[in-house]
């Protein structure tokens, strides 16, 4: 999966990220490991993917953009308009180029952890939701989202995507087509669920 082991990556991230971002990173890794055990994914693989999801979050915007464009990972025009999501695509590219990560599922989990997509794998859902529900998160509705993840990852995705779309609409921000396709997928999966987070 990767050229380096977990301890080497932890040390790399501790030097690379701010204290707050590193704490978030390790909380996400733990939550991903927990969700993996609950839902039948490899916990070590999920822990690693959660640990590296924000590897490029604090890099200069120009660098993130350059890597996102160079990635060849279908960096869409809506993403290009929203710098807050560049680190996902940049991070997947960085992991592949610098650390030799070849596990496409891990790379996709990092690439889509901010925006989601239709047809997400089990690992992708775990990283997306691990990021949304990690221990330090305290936004309104996070406890309901955590409970939903215990019932079903798909129900967790529905609530997470509703939250994300609502947040983007409040900002009058563009929404990547990947996010809208994922939102529609989970809304159609649970047509009777009208709970708003």
N, C-alpha and C. Protein backbone atom coordinates (compact mmCIF):
# COMPACT_ATOMS: atom_id res chain seq x y z
N UNK A 1 0.83 -1.20 0.00
CA UNK A 1 0.00 0.00 0.00
C UNK A 1 0.86 1.25 0.00
N UNK A 2 1.85 1.30 0.88
CA UNK A 2 2.68 2.50 0.99
C UNK A 2 4.12 2.09 1.23
N UNK A 3 5.03 2.96 0.84
CA UNK A 3 6.45 2.69 1.04
C UNK A 3 6.81 2.83 2.52
N UNK A 4 6.15 3.74 3.23
CA UNK A 4 6.46 3.94 4.65
C UNK A 4 5.43 3.26 5.54
N UNK A 5 5.84 3.03 6.78
CA UNK A 5 4.90 2.42 7.72
C UNK A 5 4.14 3.51 8.49
N UNK A 6 3.22 3.08 9.33
CA UNK A 6 2.36 4.01 10.05
C UNK A 6 3.17 4.94 10.96
N UNK A 7 4.14 4.39 11.68
CA UNK A 7 4.93 5.22 12.61
C UNK A 7 5.74 6.28 11.86
N UNK A 8 6.30 5.91 10.71
CA UNK A 8 7.04 6.87 9.90
C UNK A 8 6.11 7.97 9.41
N UNK A 9 4.91 7.59 8.97
CA UNK A 9 3.95 8.59 8.50
C UNK A 9 3.48 9.48 9.64
N UNK A 10 3.25 8.92 10.82
CA UNK A 10 2.86 9.74 11.97
C UNK A 10 3.92 10.80 12.27
N UNK A 11 5.19 10.39 12.26
CA UNK A 11 6.28 11.33 12.52
C UNK A 11 6.33 12.41 11.44
N UNK A 12 6.13 12.02 10.20
CA UNK A 12 6.12 12.97 9.08
C UNK A 12 4.99 13.99 9.26
N UNK A 13 3.82 13.51 9.60
CA UNK A 13 2.67 14.39 9.78
C UNK A 13 2.83 15.31 10.98
N UNK A 14 3.42 14.79 12.04
CA UNK A 14 3.62 15.61 13.25
C UNK A 14 4.52 16.80 12.96
N UNK A 15 5.51 16.61 12.11
CA UNK A 15 6.40 17.71 11.72
C UNK A 15 5.73 18.64 10.72
N UNK A 16 4.90 18.09 9.86
CA UNK A 16 4.33 18.82 8.72
C UNK A 16 3.12 19.67 9.09
N UNK A 17 2.30 19.19 10.06
CA UNK A 17 1.03 19.83 10.37
C UNK A 17 1.08 20.61 11.68
N UNK A 18 0.17 21.57 11.79
CA UNK A 18 0.03 22.29 13.06
C UNK A 18 -0.48 21.31 14.13
N UNK A 19 -0.35 21.69 15.37
CA UNK A 19 -0.79 20.83 16.47
C UNK A 19 -2.29 20.50 16.35
N UNK A 20 -3.09 21.53 16.05
CA UNK A 20 -4.54 21.33 15.92
C UNK A 20 -4.87 20.39 14.76
N UNK A 21 -4.21 20.57 13.62
CA UNK A 21 -4.47 19.72 12.46
C UNK A 21 -4.00 18.30 12.71
N UNK A 22 -2.86 18.16 13.40
CA UNK A 22 -2.35 16.82 13.71
C UNK A 22 -3.32 16.09 14.66
N UNK A 23 -3.84 16.80 15.66
CA UNK A 23 -4.82 16.20 16.57
C UNK A 23 -6.04 15.72 15.80
N UNK A 24 -6.55 16.58 14.91
CA UNK A 24 -7.69 16.19 14.08
C UNK A 24 -7.35 14.95 13.25
N UNK A 25 -6.18 14.95 12.65
CA UNK A 25 -5.74 13.84 11.81
C UNK A 25 -5.75 12.52 12.58
N UNK A 26 -5.20 12.53 13.77
CA UNK A 26 -5.14 11.30 14.56
C UNK A 26 -6.54 10.89 15.05
N UNK A 27 -7.39 11.87 15.34
CA UNK A 27 -8.78 11.55 15.72
C UNK A 27 -9.52 10.90 14.55
N UNK A 28 -9.29 11.40 13.35
CA UNK A 28 -9.93 10.82 12.17
C UNK A 28 -9.41 9.40 11.95
N UNK A 29 -8.11 9.20 12.10
CA UNK A 29 -7.54 7.85 11.94
C UNK A 29 -8.20 6.87 12.91
N UNK A 30 -8.34 7.29 14.17
CA UNK A 30 -8.98 6.41 15.17
C UNK A 30 -10.43 6.12 14.82
N UNK A 31 -11.15 7.16 14.38
CA UNK A 31 -12.56 6.96 14.03
C UNK A 31 -12.69 6.06 12.80
N UNK A 32 -11.80 6.21 11.85
CA UNK A 32 -11.82 5.35 10.66
C UNK A 32 -11.55 3.90 11.04
N UNK A 33 -10.60 3.69 11.94
CA UNK A 33 -10.33 2.33 12.42
C UNK A 33 -11.53 1.73 13.11
N UNK A 34 -12.21 2.54 13.91
CA UNK A 34 -13.40 2.07 14.63
C UNK A 34 -14.53 1.73 13.67
N UNK A 35 -14.78 2.61 12.71
CA UNK A 35 -15.84 2.36 11.73
C UNK A 35 -15.52 1.14 10.86
N UNK A 36 -14.24 0.96 10.56
CA UNK A 36 -13.83 -0.19 9.75
C UNK A 36 -14.13 -1.51 10.48
N UNK A 37 -13.83 -1.54 11.76
CA UNK A 37 -14.13 -2.75 12.55
C UNK A 37 -15.64 -3.00 12.59
N UNK A 38 -16.40 -1.95 12.70
CA UNK A 38 -17.85 -2.07 12.78
C UNK A 38 -18.48 -2.55 11.48
N UNK A 39 -17.93 -2.08 10.34
CA UNK A 39 -18.58 -2.32 9.06
C UNK A 39 -17.81 -3.26 8.11
N UNK A 40 -16.73 -3.89 8.59
CA UNK A 40 -16.10 -4.95 7.80
C UNK A 40 -15.03 -4.52 6.81
N UNK A 41 -14.38 -3.40 7.07
CA UNK A 41 -13.23 -2.97 6.27
C UNK A 41 -11.97 -3.28 7.07
N UNK A 42 -10.84 -3.37 6.41
CA UNK A 42 -9.56 -3.61 7.08
C UNK A 42 -9.24 -2.40 7.98
N UNK A 43 -9.20 -2.58 9.30
CA UNK A 43 -8.97 -1.44 10.21
C UNK A 43 -7.63 -0.75 10.00
N UNK A 44 -6.59 -1.50 9.69
CA UNK A 44 -5.27 -0.89 9.48
C UNK A 44 -5.27 0.00 8.23
N UNK A 45 -5.89 -0.49 7.20
CA UNK A 45 -5.99 0.27 5.94
C UNK A 45 -6.82 1.54 6.16
N UNK A 46 -7.92 1.41 6.88
CA UNK A 46 -8.78 2.56 7.17
C UNK A 46 -8.06 3.57 8.06
N UNK A 47 -7.33 3.07 9.06
CA UNK A 47 -6.57 3.95 9.95
C UNK A 47 -5.56 4.77 9.14
N UNK A 48 -4.83 4.09 8.24
CA UNK A 48 -3.83 4.77 7.42
C UNK A 48 -4.50 5.83 6.54
N UNK A 49 -5.59 5.46 5.87
CA UNK A 49 -6.28 6.40 4.98
C UNK A 49 -6.79 7.61 5.77
N UNK A 50 -7.33 7.37 6.96
CA UNK A 50 -7.79 8.47 7.79
C UNK A 50 -6.64 9.35 8.26
N UNK A 51 -5.53 8.73 8.56
CA UNK A 51 -4.37 9.47 9.05
C UNK A 51 -3.80 10.42 7.98
N UNK A 52 -3.86 10.02 6.71
CA UNK A 52 -3.24 10.83 5.65
C UNK A 52 -4.24 11.72 4.91
N UNK A 53 -5.51 11.74 5.33
CA UNK A 53 -6.51 12.44 4.53
C UNK A 53 -6.23 13.93 4.38
N UNK A 54 -5.60 14.56 5.36
CA UNK A 54 -5.32 16.00 5.33
C UNK A 54 -3.83 16.30 5.16
N UNK A 55 -3.11 15.40 4.53
CA UNK A 55 -1.65 15.53 4.43
C UNK A 55 -1.21 16.84 3.76
N UNK A 56 -2.03 17.37 2.85
CA UNK A 56 -1.69 18.62 2.15
C UNK A 56 -2.55 19.81 2.58
N UNK A 57 -3.33 19.66 3.63
CA UNK A 57 -4.29 20.69 4.04
C UNK A 57 -3.63 22.04 4.32
N UNK A 58 -2.43 22.03 4.87
CA UNK A 58 -1.79 23.29 5.26
C UNK A 58 -0.70 23.73 4.30
N UNK A 59 -0.61 23.08 3.16
CA UNK A 59 0.34 23.52 2.13
C UNK A 59 -0.16 24.81 1.50
N UNK A 60 0.74 25.61 0.91
CA UNK A 60 0.29 26.83 0.23
C UNK A 60 -0.74 26.52 -0.85
N UNK A 61 -1.69 27.40 -1.01
CA UNK A 61 -2.77 27.17 -1.98
C UNK A 61 -2.23 26.93 -3.38
N UNK A 62 -1.20 27.69 -3.75
CA UNK A 62 -0.64 27.56 -5.09
C UNK A 62 -0.12 26.14 -5.32
N UNK A 63 0.52 25.58 -4.29
CA UNK A 63 1.05 24.22 -4.39
C UNK A 63 -0.08 23.20 -4.48
N UNK A 64 -1.10 23.38 -3.66
CA UNK A 64 -2.26 22.49 -3.70
C UNK A 64 -2.90 22.50 -5.09
N UNK A 65 -3.07 23.68 -5.64
CA UNK A 65 -3.70 23.80 -6.95
C UNK A 65 -2.86 23.12 -8.03
N UNK A 66 -1.57 23.36 -7.99
CA UNK A 66 -0.68 22.76 -8.98
C UNK A 66 -0.76 21.23 -8.94
N UNK A 67 -0.70 20.67 -7.73
CA UNK A 67 -0.77 19.21 -7.61
C UNK A 67 -2.14 18.67 -8.03
N UNK A 68 -3.20 19.41 -7.68
CA UNK A 68 -4.54 18.98 -8.08
C UNK A 68 -4.67 18.92 -9.60
N UNK A 69 -4.14 19.94 -10.27
CA UNK A 69 -4.19 19.99 -11.73
C UNK A 69 -3.34 18.87 -12.34
N UNK A 70 -2.16 18.64 -11.76
CA UNK A 70 -1.25 17.62 -12.29
C UNK A 70 -1.70 16.20 -11.98
N UNK A 71 -2.63 16.05 -11.05
CA UNK A 71 -2.98 14.72 -10.54
C UNK A 71 -3.60 13.79 -11.59
N UNK A 72 -4.29 14.35 -12.57
CA UNK A 72 -5.01 13.52 -13.52
C UNK A 72 -6.22 12.82 -12.90
N UNK A 73 -6.71 13.37 -11.77
CA UNK A 73 -7.81 12.75 -11.02
C UNK A 73 -9.13 13.48 -11.22
N UNK A 74 -9.39 13.92 -12.43
CA UNK A 74 -10.67 14.55 -12.78
C UNK A 74 -11.00 15.70 -11.83
N UNK A 75 -10.08 16.64 -11.74
CA UNK A 75 -10.24 17.84 -10.92
C UNK A 75 -11.24 18.74 -11.66
N UNK A 76 -12.49 18.78 -11.17
CA UNK A 76 -13.56 19.44 -11.93
C UNK A 76 -13.54 20.96 -11.76
N UNK A 77 -14.25 21.64 -12.65
CA UNK A 77 -14.23 23.11 -12.65
C UNK A 77 -14.81 23.70 -11.37
N UNK A 78 -15.81 23.02 -10.78
CA UNK A 78 -16.38 23.52 -9.52
C UNK A 78 -15.36 23.43 -8.38
N UNK A 79 -14.58 22.35 -8.36
CA UNK A 79 -13.52 22.23 -7.35
C UNK A 79 -12.47 23.32 -7.54
N UNK A 80 -12.14 23.60 -8.80
CA UNK A 80 -11.12 24.62 -9.09
C UNK A 80 -11.53 25.99 -8.55
N UNK A 81 -12.84 26.21 -8.38
CA UNK A 81 -13.36 27.47 -7.86
C UNK A 81 -13.42 27.52 -6.34
N UNK A 82 -13.08 26.42 -5.68
CA UNK A 82 -13.22 26.35 -4.22
C UNK A 82 -11.93 25.82 -3.58
N UNK A 83 -11.05 26.71 -3.18
CA UNK A 83 -9.72 26.31 -2.71
C UNK A 83 -9.78 25.42 -1.47
N UNK A 84 -10.86 25.46 -0.71
CA UNK A 84 -10.94 24.66 0.52
C UNK A 84 -10.96 23.16 0.24
N UNK A 85 -11.26 22.75 -0.98
CA UNK A 85 -11.30 21.31 -1.30
C UNK A 85 -10.08 20.85 -2.09
N UNK A 86 -9.18 21.74 -2.45
CA UNK A 86 -8.02 21.36 -3.26
C UNK A 86 -7.14 20.33 -2.56
N UNK A 87 -7.07 20.39 -1.23
CA UNK A 87 -6.13 19.53 -0.51
C UNK A 87 -6.44 18.05 -0.65
N UNK A 88 -7.70 17.70 -0.94
CA UNK A 88 -8.04 16.29 -1.13
C UNK A 88 -7.37 15.72 -2.37
N UNK A 89 -7.52 16.42 -3.49
CA UNK A 89 -6.91 15.97 -4.75
C UNK A 89 -5.39 16.06 -4.64
N UNK A 90 -4.90 17.18 -4.10
CA UNK A 90 -3.46 17.36 -3.93
C UNK A 90 -2.86 16.27 -3.05
N UNK A 91 -3.58 15.93 -1.97
CA UNK A 91 -3.10 14.92 -1.04
C UNK A 91 -2.96 13.55 -1.68
N UNK A 92 -3.94 13.18 -2.49
CA UNK A 92 -3.87 11.88 -3.19
C UNK A 92 -2.67 11.85 -4.13
N UNK A 93 -2.46 12.95 -4.85
CA UNK A 93 -1.32 13.04 -5.77
C UNK A 93 0.01 12.96 -5.00
N UNK A 94 0.08 13.71 -3.90
CA UNK A 94 1.29 13.75 -3.07
C UNK A 94 1.62 12.35 -2.52
N UNK A 95 0.62 11.65 -2.03
CA UNK A 95 0.83 10.30 -1.48
C UNK A 95 1.36 9.34 -2.54
N UNK A 96 0.84 9.47 -3.73
CA UNK A 96 1.26 8.60 -4.84
C UNK A 96 2.69 8.92 -5.26
N UNK A 97 2.98 10.22 -5.39
CA UNK A 97 4.30 10.64 -5.89
C UNK A 97 5.41 10.55 -4.84
N UNK A 98 5.14 11.00 -3.62
CA UNK A 98 6.19 11.05 -2.60
C UNK A 98 6.35 9.75 -1.83
N UNK A 99 5.24 9.09 -1.55
CA UNK A 99 5.28 7.89 -0.71
C UNK A 99 5.00 6.60 -1.46
N UNK A 100 4.71 6.69 -2.73
CA UNK A 100 4.50 5.49 -3.52
C UNK A 100 3.25 4.71 -3.17
N UNK A 101 2.22 5.40 -2.64
CA UNK A 101 0.96 4.73 -2.33
C UNK A 101 0.31 4.33 -3.65
N UNK A 102 0.03 3.05 -3.79
CA UNK A 102 -0.55 2.53 -5.04
C UNK A 102 -1.97 2.00 -4.85
N UNK A 103 -2.44 1.93 -3.63
CA UNK A 103 -3.78 1.43 -3.35
C UNK A 103 -4.79 2.48 -3.84
N UNK A 104 -5.44 2.20 -4.96
CA UNK A 104 -6.36 3.17 -5.57
C UNK A 104 -7.52 3.53 -4.65
N UNK A 105 -7.95 2.59 -3.84
CA UNK A 105 -9.05 2.87 -2.92
C UNK A 105 -8.63 3.88 -1.86
N UNK A 106 -7.42 3.74 -1.34
CA UNK A 106 -6.89 4.71 -0.37
C UNK A 106 -6.76 6.07 -1.04
N UNK A 107 -6.22 6.10 -2.25
CA UNK A 107 -6.05 7.37 -2.96
C UNK A 107 -7.40 8.04 -3.23
N UNK A 108 -8.39 7.26 -3.63
CA UNK A 108 -9.74 7.83 -3.85
C UNK A 108 -10.35 8.32 -2.53
N UNK A 109 -10.11 7.59 -1.44
CA UNK A 109 -10.64 8.01 -0.13
C UNK A 109 -10.09 9.38 0.25
N UNK A 110 -8.81 9.61 0.00
CA UNK A 110 -8.19 10.92 0.28
C UNK A 110 -8.72 11.95 -0.71
N UNK A 111 -8.76 11.59 -1.99
CA UNK A 111 -9.18 12.52 -3.03
C UNK A 111 -10.61 13.03 -2.82
N UNK A 112 -11.52 12.15 -2.37
CA UNK A 112 -12.94 12.52 -2.27
C UNK A 112 -13.40 12.78 -0.84
N UNK A 113 -12.48 12.88 0.12
CA UNK A 113 -12.94 13.01 1.51
C UNK A 113 -13.63 14.34 1.80
N UNK A 114 -13.45 15.34 0.96
CA UNK A 114 -14.09 16.64 1.19
C UNK A 114 -15.40 16.80 0.43
N UNK A 115 -15.55 16.10 -0.70
CA UNK A 115 -16.71 16.36 -1.55
C UNK A 115 -17.61 15.15 -1.77
N UNK A 116 -17.11 13.95 -1.51
CA UNK A 116 -17.88 12.74 -1.77
C UNK A 116 -18.05 12.51 -3.26
N UNK A 117 -18.71 11.42 -3.59
CA UNK A 117 -19.04 11.11 -4.98
C UNK A 117 -20.07 9.98 -4.97
N UNK A 118 -20.75 9.80 -6.07
CA UNK A 118 -21.67 8.66 -6.19
C UNK A 118 -20.82 7.39 -6.32
N UNK A 119 -21.33 6.29 -5.80
CA UNK A 119 -20.65 5.01 -5.94
C UNK A 119 -19.41 4.86 -5.08
N UNK A 120 -19.38 5.49 -3.92
CA UNK A 120 -18.20 5.41 -3.05
C UNK A 120 -18.03 3.99 -2.52
N UNK A 121 -16.77 3.59 -2.39
CA UNK A 121 -16.44 2.30 -1.78
C UNK A 121 -16.65 2.37 -0.28
N UNK A 122 -16.58 1.23 0.36
CA UNK A 122 -16.69 1.17 1.83
C UNK A 122 -15.62 2.04 2.48
N UNK A 123 -14.38 1.93 2.01
CA UNK A 123 -13.29 2.73 2.57
C UNK A 123 -13.52 4.22 2.36
N UNK A 124 -13.97 4.61 1.20
CA UNK A 124 -14.23 6.02 0.93
C UNK A 124 -15.29 6.58 1.88
N UNK A 125 -16.35 5.83 2.10
CA UNK A 125 -17.40 6.28 3.03
C UNK A 125 -16.83 6.41 4.44
N UNK A 126 -16.01 5.45 4.84
CA UNK A 126 -15.43 5.47 6.19
C UNK A 126 -14.57 6.71 6.40
N UNK A 127 -13.75 7.05 5.43
CA UNK A 127 -12.88 8.23 5.57
C UNK A 127 -13.71 9.51 5.53
N UNK A 128 -14.68 9.58 4.63
CA UNK A 128 -15.55 10.76 4.55
C UNK A 128 -16.26 10.98 5.90
N UNK A 129 -16.83 9.91 6.44
CA UNK A 129 -17.58 10.02 7.70
C UNK A 129 -16.66 10.13 8.91
N UNK A 130 -15.51 9.49 8.87
CA UNK A 130 -14.54 9.63 9.95
C UNK A 130 -14.10 11.07 10.11
N UNK A 131 -13.93 11.76 8.99
CA UNK A 131 -13.57 13.18 9.00
C UNK A 131 -14.71 14.03 9.55
N UNK A 132 -15.93 13.70 9.20
CA UNK A 132 -17.10 14.48 9.64
C UNK A 132 -17.44 14.26 11.12
N UNK A 133 -17.06 13.11 11.67
CA UNK A 133 -17.52 12.76 13.02
C UNK A 133 -16.39 12.52 14.01
N UNK A 134 -15.18 12.93 13.69
CA UNK A 134 -14.05 12.69 14.59
C UNK A 134 -14.28 13.34 15.96
N UNK A 135 -13.53 12.88 16.94
CA UNK A 135 -13.80 13.20 18.36
C UNK A 135 -13.90 14.69 18.66
N UNK A 136 -13.11 15.52 17.99
CA UNK A 136 -13.11 16.95 18.33
C UNK A 136 -14.24 17.72 17.65
N UNK A 137 -14.96 17.10 16.73
CA UNK A 137 -16.06 17.79 16.03
C UNK A 137 -17.20 18.08 17.02
N UNK A 138 -17.71 19.30 16.97
CA UNK A 138 -18.77 19.67 17.91
C UNK A 138 -19.85 20.54 17.28
N UNK A 139 -19.98 20.50 15.96
CA UNK A 139 -21.00 21.30 15.29
C UNK A 139 -22.39 20.73 15.59
N UNK A 140 -23.39 21.56 15.38
CA UNK A 140 -24.78 21.16 15.63
C UNK A 140 -25.15 20.00 14.71
N UNK A 141 -25.62 18.92 15.28
CA UNK A 141 -26.03 17.75 14.50
C UNK A 141 -25.00 16.64 14.42
N UNK A 142 -23.79 16.87 14.94
CA UNK A 142 -22.75 15.84 14.81
C UNK A 142 -23.11 14.57 15.58
N UNK A 143 -23.77 14.71 16.72
CA UNK A 143 -24.14 13.52 17.50
C UNK A 143 -25.17 12.67 16.75
N UNK A 144 -26.08 13.33 16.06
CA UNK A 144 -27.07 12.60 15.26
C UNK A 144 -26.38 11.89 14.10
N UNK A 145 -25.40 12.55 13.51
CA UNK A 145 -24.64 11.92 12.42
C UNK A 145 -23.85 10.72 12.94
N UNK A 146 -23.28 10.84 14.13
CA UNK A 146 -22.55 9.71 14.72
C UNK A 146 -23.48 8.52 14.96
N UNK A 147 -24.68 8.80 15.47
CA UNK A 147 -25.65 7.72 15.69
C UNK A 147 -26.06 7.08 14.37
N UNK A 148 -26.24 7.89 13.35
CA UNK A 148 -26.61 7.36 12.03
C UNK A 148 -25.53 6.42 11.50
N UNK A 149 -24.27 6.76 11.73
CA UNK A 149 -23.15 5.91 11.28
C UNK A 149 -23.14 4.56 11.99
N UNK A 150 -23.69 4.51 13.19
CA UNK A 150 -23.78 3.25 13.92
C UNK A 150 -24.88 2.35 13.33
N UNK A 151 -25.89 2.96 12.75
CA UNK A 151 -26.99 2.20 12.14
C UNK A 151 -26.65 1.75 10.72
N UNK A 152 -26.02 2.65 9.97
CA UNK A 152 -25.74 2.39 8.56
C UNK A 152 -24.80 3.46 8.03
N UNK A 153 -23.76 3.06 7.33
CA UNK A 153 -22.87 4.05 6.72
C UNK A 153 -23.62 4.84 5.65
N UNK A 154 -24.53 4.19 4.97
CA UNK A 154 -25.30 4.90 3.95
C UNK A 154 -26.18 5.97 4.57
N UNK A 155 -26.78 5.68 5.70
CA UNK A 155 -27.58 6.70 6.41
C UNK A 155 -26.66 7.84 6.89
N UNK A 156 -25.48 7.47 7.37
CA UNK A 156 -24.50 8.49 7.74
C UNK A 156 -24.13 9.37 6.56
N UNK A 157 -23.94 8.77 5.40
CA UNK A 157 -23.61 9.54 4.19
C UNK A 157 -24.75 10.49 3.83
N UNK A 158 -25.99 10.02 3.94
CA UNK A 158 -27.13 10.87 3.63
C UNK A 158 -27.11 12.13 4.50
N UNK A 159 -26.93 11.94 5.80
CA UNK A 159 -26.93 13.09 6.71
C UNK A 159 -25.72 13.98 6.48
N UNK A 160 -24.57 13.37 6.24
CA UNK A 160 -23.34 14.15 6.01
C UNK A 160 -23.46 14.98 4.74
N UNK A 161 -24.02 14.42 3.70
CA UNK A 161 -24.16 15.15 2.43
C UNK A 161 -25.21 16.26 2.56
N UNK A 162 -26.27 15.99 3.29
CA UNK A 162 -27.26 17.05 3.54
C UNK A 162 -26.60 18.23 4.25
N UNK A 163 -25.81 17.90 5.26
CA UNK A 163 -25.11 18.95 6.02
C UNK A 163 -24.17 19.74 5.10
N UNK A 164 -23.42 19.01 4.28
CA UNK A 164 -22.44 19.64 3.41
C UNK A 164 -23.10 20.54 2.36
N UNK A 165 -24.15 20.04 1.73
CA UNK A 165 -24.84 20.83 0.71
C UNK A 165 -25.47 22.08 1.34
N UNK A 166 -26.09 21.91 2.50
CA UNK A 166 -26.71 23.05 3.20
C UNK A 166 -25.65 24.11 3.53
N UNK A 167 -24.49 23.66 3.98
CA UNK A 167 -23.40 24.58 4.33
C UNK A 167 -22.94 25.37 3.09
N UNK A 168 -22.81 24.67 1.97
CA UNK A 168 -22.38 25.33 0.73
C UNK A 168 -23.43 26.32 0.23
N UNK A 169 -24.69 25.97 0.37
CA UNK A 169 -25.76 26.88 -0.05
C UNK A 169 -25.77 28.15 0.80
N UNK A 170 -25.52 28.00 2.11
CA UNK A 170 -25.47 29.18 2.99
C UNK A 170 -24.34 30.13 2.58
N UNK A 171 -23.25 29.55 2.06
CA UNK A 171 -22.10 30.37 1.63
C UNK A 171 -22.29 30.90 0.21
N UNK A 172 -23.36 30.49 -0.46
CA UNK A 172 -23.56 30.82 -1.88
C UNK A 172 -22.39 30.33 -2.71
N UNK A 173 -21.87 29.16 -2.34
CA UNK A 173 -20.70 28.58 -3.01
C UNK A 173 -21.13 27.59 -4.09
N UNK A 174 -20.23 27.38 -5.06
CA UNK A 174 -20.50 26.35 -6.07
C UNK A 174 -20.40 24.98 -5.40
N UNK A 175 -21.14 24.03 -5.93
CA UNK A 175 -21.14 22.67 -5.40
C UNK A 175 -20.65 21.74 -6.50
N UNK A 176 -19.56 21.00 -6.26
CA UNK A 176 -19.05 20.09 -7.30
C UNK A 176 -20.11 19.08 -7.72
N UNK A 177 -20.10 18.75 -9.00
CA UNK A 177 -21.07 17.77 -9.50
C UNK A 177 -20.94 16.44 -8.78
N UNK A 178 -19.73 16.11 -8.32
CA UNK A 178 -19.54 14.87 -7.56
C UNK A 178 -20.41 14.85 -6.31
N UNK A 179 -20.45 15.99 -5.61
CA UNK A 179 -21.24 16.10 -4.37
C UNK A 179 -22.73 15.97 -4.66
N UNK A 180 -23.18 16.65 -5.70
CA UNK A 180 -24.60 16.59 -6.05
C UNK A 180 -25.02 15.19 -6.48
N UNK A 181 -24.16 14.50 -7.21
CA UNK A 181 -24.46 13.13 -7.62
C UNK A 181 -24.53 12.21 -6.40
N UNK A 182 -23.63 12.42 -5.45
CA UNK A 182 -23.67 11.61 -4.22
C UNK A 182 -24.92 11.93 -3.42
N UNK A 183 -25.24 13.22 -3.29
CA UNK A 183 -26.44 13.64 -2.57
C UNK A 183 -27.69 12.97 -3.16
N UNK A 184 -27.80 13.02 -4.47
CA UNK A 184 -28.95 12.41 -5.14
C UNK A 184 -28.99 10.90 -4.93
N UNK A 185 -27.83 10.26 -4.99
CA UNK A 185 -27.77 8.81 -4.79
C UNK A 185 -28.33 8.41 -3.42
N UNK A 186 -27.89 9.09 -2.37
CA UNK A 186 -28.32 8.72 -1.02
C UNK A 186 -29.74 9.20 -0.71
N UNK A 187 -30.16 10.30 -1.32
CA UNK A 187 -31.54 10.75 -1.15
C UNK A 187 -32.50 9.75 -1.77
N UNK A 188 -32.14 9.23 -2.93
CA UNK A 188 -32.99 8.21 -3.58
C UNK A 188 -32.96 6.89 -2.82
N UNK A 189 -31.86 6.63 -2.12
CA UNK A 189 -31.75 5.41 -1.33
C UNK A 189 -32.68 5.44 -0.12
N UNK A 190 -32.90 6.64 0.43
CA UNK A 190 -33.76 6.81 1.61
C UNK A 190 -34.84 7.87 1.33
N UNK A 191 -35.76 7.59 0.40
CA UNK A 191 -36.73 8.63 0.00
C UNK A 191 -37.69 9.05 1.11
N UNK A 192 -37.86 8.20 2.12
CA UNK A 192 -38.80 8.53 3.21
C UNK A 192 -38.15 9.32 4.33
N UNK A 193 -36.83 9.43 4.30
CA UNK A 193 -36.10 10.10 5.40
C UNK A 193 -36.10 11.60 5.13
N UNK A 194 -36.81 12.34 5.95
CA UNK A 194 -36.90 13.80 5.76
C UNK A 194 -36.20 14.57 6.87
N UNK A 195 -35.40 13.86 7.68
CA UNK A 195 -34.69 14.54 8.77
C UNK A 195 -33.65 15.49 8.19
N UNK A 196 -33.64 16.71 8.68
CA UNK A 196 -32.69 17.72 8.19
C UNK A 196 -31.65 17.98 9.26
N UNK A 197 -30.41 17.85 8.89
CA UNK A 197 -29.32 18.06 9.85
C UNK A 197 -28.72 19.45 9.67
